[in-house]
Every structure is written in structure tokens, then in C-alpha cells.
Amino acid sequence: MADLTLSRQFSLESHSRAIDSCDDVAELRRVAKTLLSAWHLQADMTRHYGAQAMGIARAAL
């Protein structure tokens, strides 16, 4: 994470503070589910583009 740009570091800190200050369990669950979905989408996209770069059919993954 040391390679983050200043604007990304600011955004990360800002969002981290918003999460820390939240006492609404339902809201925290919603945020956690959104992050989980984003993480899986990012993993799928990485796998897809990695396979493309290596010339591997996506179905083989």
C-alpha cells in the first residue's frame, strides 16, 4: 500500500474514518457485502485479463 497516490491515500483514510465512526450494524453489513462483491469482481477480472495475456482460454480456469 506504500505505492498509493496521495489522492488514494486520502480516500482510503477518509473512508476508513467513516467506517470507524459508523454505529449502524445494518449499514456496516451493507458496506461489507458491497466490498465482498467488489473483491470477487476484481478477482474475476484479474483472472480473465491474466488468462488473456497468457493466451489461456478462460473456461480452463
C-alpha atoms as a PDB file:
ATOM      1  CA  MET A   1       0.000   0.000   0.000  1.00  0.00           C
ATOM      2  CA  ALA A   2       3.021   2.265   0.154  1.00  0.00           C
ATOM      3  CA  ASP A   3       2.661   2.918  -3.593  1.00  0.00           C
ATOM      4  CA  LEU A   4      -0.742   4.596  -3.309  1.00  0.00           C
ATOM      5  CA  THR A   5      -1.033   8.081  -4.745  1.00  0.00           C
ATOM      6  CA  LEU A   6      -1.740  10.888  -2.323  1.00  0.00           C
ATOM      7  CA  SER A   7      -5.349  11.128  -3.510  1.00  0.00           C
ATOM      8  CA  ARG A   8      -5.876   7.377  -2.997  1.00  0.00           C
ATOM      9  CA  GLN A   9      -4.282   7.574   0.454  1.00  0.00           C
ATOM     10  CA  PHE A  10      -6.653  10.434   1.312  1.00  0.00           C
ATOM     11  CA  SER A  11      -9.664   8.495   0.018  1.00  0.00           C
ATOM     12  CA  LEU A  12      -8.636   5.377   1.948  1.00  0.00           C
ATOM     13  CA  GLU A  13      -8.211   7.345   5.173  1.00  0.00           C
ATOM     14  CA  SER A  14     -11.475   9.207   4.666  1.00  0.00           C
ATOM     15  CA  HIS A  15     -13.455   6.019   4.088  1.00  0.00           C
ATOM     16  CA  SER A  16     -11.698   4.240   6.956  1.00  0.00           C
ATOM     17  CA  ARG A  17     -12.736   7.017   9.325  1.00  0.00           C
ATOM     18  CA  ALA A  18     -16.321   6.881   8.071  1.00  0.00           C
ATOM     19  CA  ILE A  19     -16.420   3.132   8.768  1.00  0.00           C
ATOM     20  CA  ASP A  20     -14.855   3.628  12.206  1.00  0.00           C
ATOM     21  CA  SER A  21     -17.475   6.225  13.137  1.00  0.00           C
ATOM     22  CA  CYS A  22     -20.445   4.118  11.997  1.00  0.00           C
ATOM     23  CA  ASP A  23     -22.553   2.539  14.744  1.00  0.00           C
ATOM     24  CA  ASP A  24     -25.272   1.260  12.395  1.00  0.00           C
ATOM     25  CA  VAL A  25     -24.815  -2.517  12.098  1.00  0.00           C
ATOM     26  CA  ALA A  26     -27.135  -2.732   9.078  1.00  0.00           C
ATOM     27  CA  GLU A  27     -25.079  -0.082   7.264  1.00  0.00           C
ATOM     28  CA  LEU A  28     -21.821  -1.864   8.129  1.00  0.00           C
ATOM     29  CA  ARG A  29     -23.277  -5.125   6.776  1.00  0.00           C
ATOM     30  CA  ARG A  30     -24.272  -3.365   3.550  1.00  0.00           C
ATOM     31  CA  VAL A  31     -20.772  -1.929   3.181  1.00  0.00           C
ATOM     32  CA  ALA A  32     -19.178  -5.319   3.909  1.00  0.00           C
ATOM     33  CA  LYS A  33     -21.346  -7.029   1.277  1.00  0.00           C
ATOM     34  CA  THR A  34     -20.537  -4.333  -1.268  1.00  0.00           C
ATOM     35  CA  LEU A  35     -16.809  -4.762  -0.594  1.00  0.00           C
ATOM     36  CA  LEU A  36     -17.108  -8.546  -0.831  1.00  0.00           C
ATOM     37  CA  SER A  37     -18.840  -8.261  -4.211  1.00  0.00           C
ATOM     38  CA  ALA A  38     -16.227  -5.790  -5.452  1.00  0.00           C
ATOM     39  CA  TRP A  39     -13.423  -8.080  -4.299  1.00  0.00           C
ATOM     40  CA  HIS A  40     -14.872 -11.051  -6.193  1.00  0.00           C
ATOM     41  CA  LEU A  41     -15.467  -8.940  -9.312  1.00  0.00           C
ATOM     42  CA  GLN A  42     -11.873  -7.685  -9.168  1.00  0.00           C
ATOM     43  CA  ALA A  43     -10.574 -11.255  -8.758  1.00  0.00           C
ATOM     44  CA  ASP A  44     -12.618 -12.421 -11.768  1.00  0.00           C
ATOM     45  CA  MET A  45     -11.377  -9.522 -13.898  1.00  0.00           C
ATOM     46  CA  THR A  46      -7.767 -10.192 -12.879  1.00  0.00           C
ATOM     47  CA  ARG A  47      -8.161 -13.865 -13.728  1.00  0.00           C
ATOM     48  CA  HIS A  48      -9.787 -13.007 -17.073  1.00  0.00           C
ATOM     49  CA  TYR A  49      -7.145 -10.492 -18.169  1.00  0.00           C
ATOM     50  CA  GLY A  50      -4.319 -12.665 -16.840  1.00  0.00           C
ATOM     51  CA  ALA A  51      -5.630 -15.567 -18.910  1.00  0.00           C
ATOM     52  CA  GLN A  52      -5.906 -13.315 -21.961  1.00  0.00           C
ATOM     53  CA  ALA A  53      -2.336 -12.104 -21.515  1.00  0.00           C
ATOM     54  CA  MET A  54      -1.103 -15.684 -21.253  1.00  0.00           C
ATOM     55  CA  GLY A  55      -3.269 -16.937 -24.132  1.00  0.00           C
ATOM     56  CA  ILE A  56      -5.224 -19.316 -21.902  1.00  0.00           C
ATOM     57  CA  ALA A  57      -8.895 -19.985 -22.509  1.00  0.00           C
ATOM     58  CA  ARG A  58     -10.990 -18.608 -19.628  1.00  0.00           C
ATOM     59  CA  ALA A  59     -13.024 -21.839 -19.444  1.00  0.00           C
ATOM     60  CA  ALA A  60      -9.828 -23.696 -18.436  1.00  0.00           C
ATOM     61  CA  LEU A  61      -9.575 -21.558 -15.311  1.00  0.00           C
END
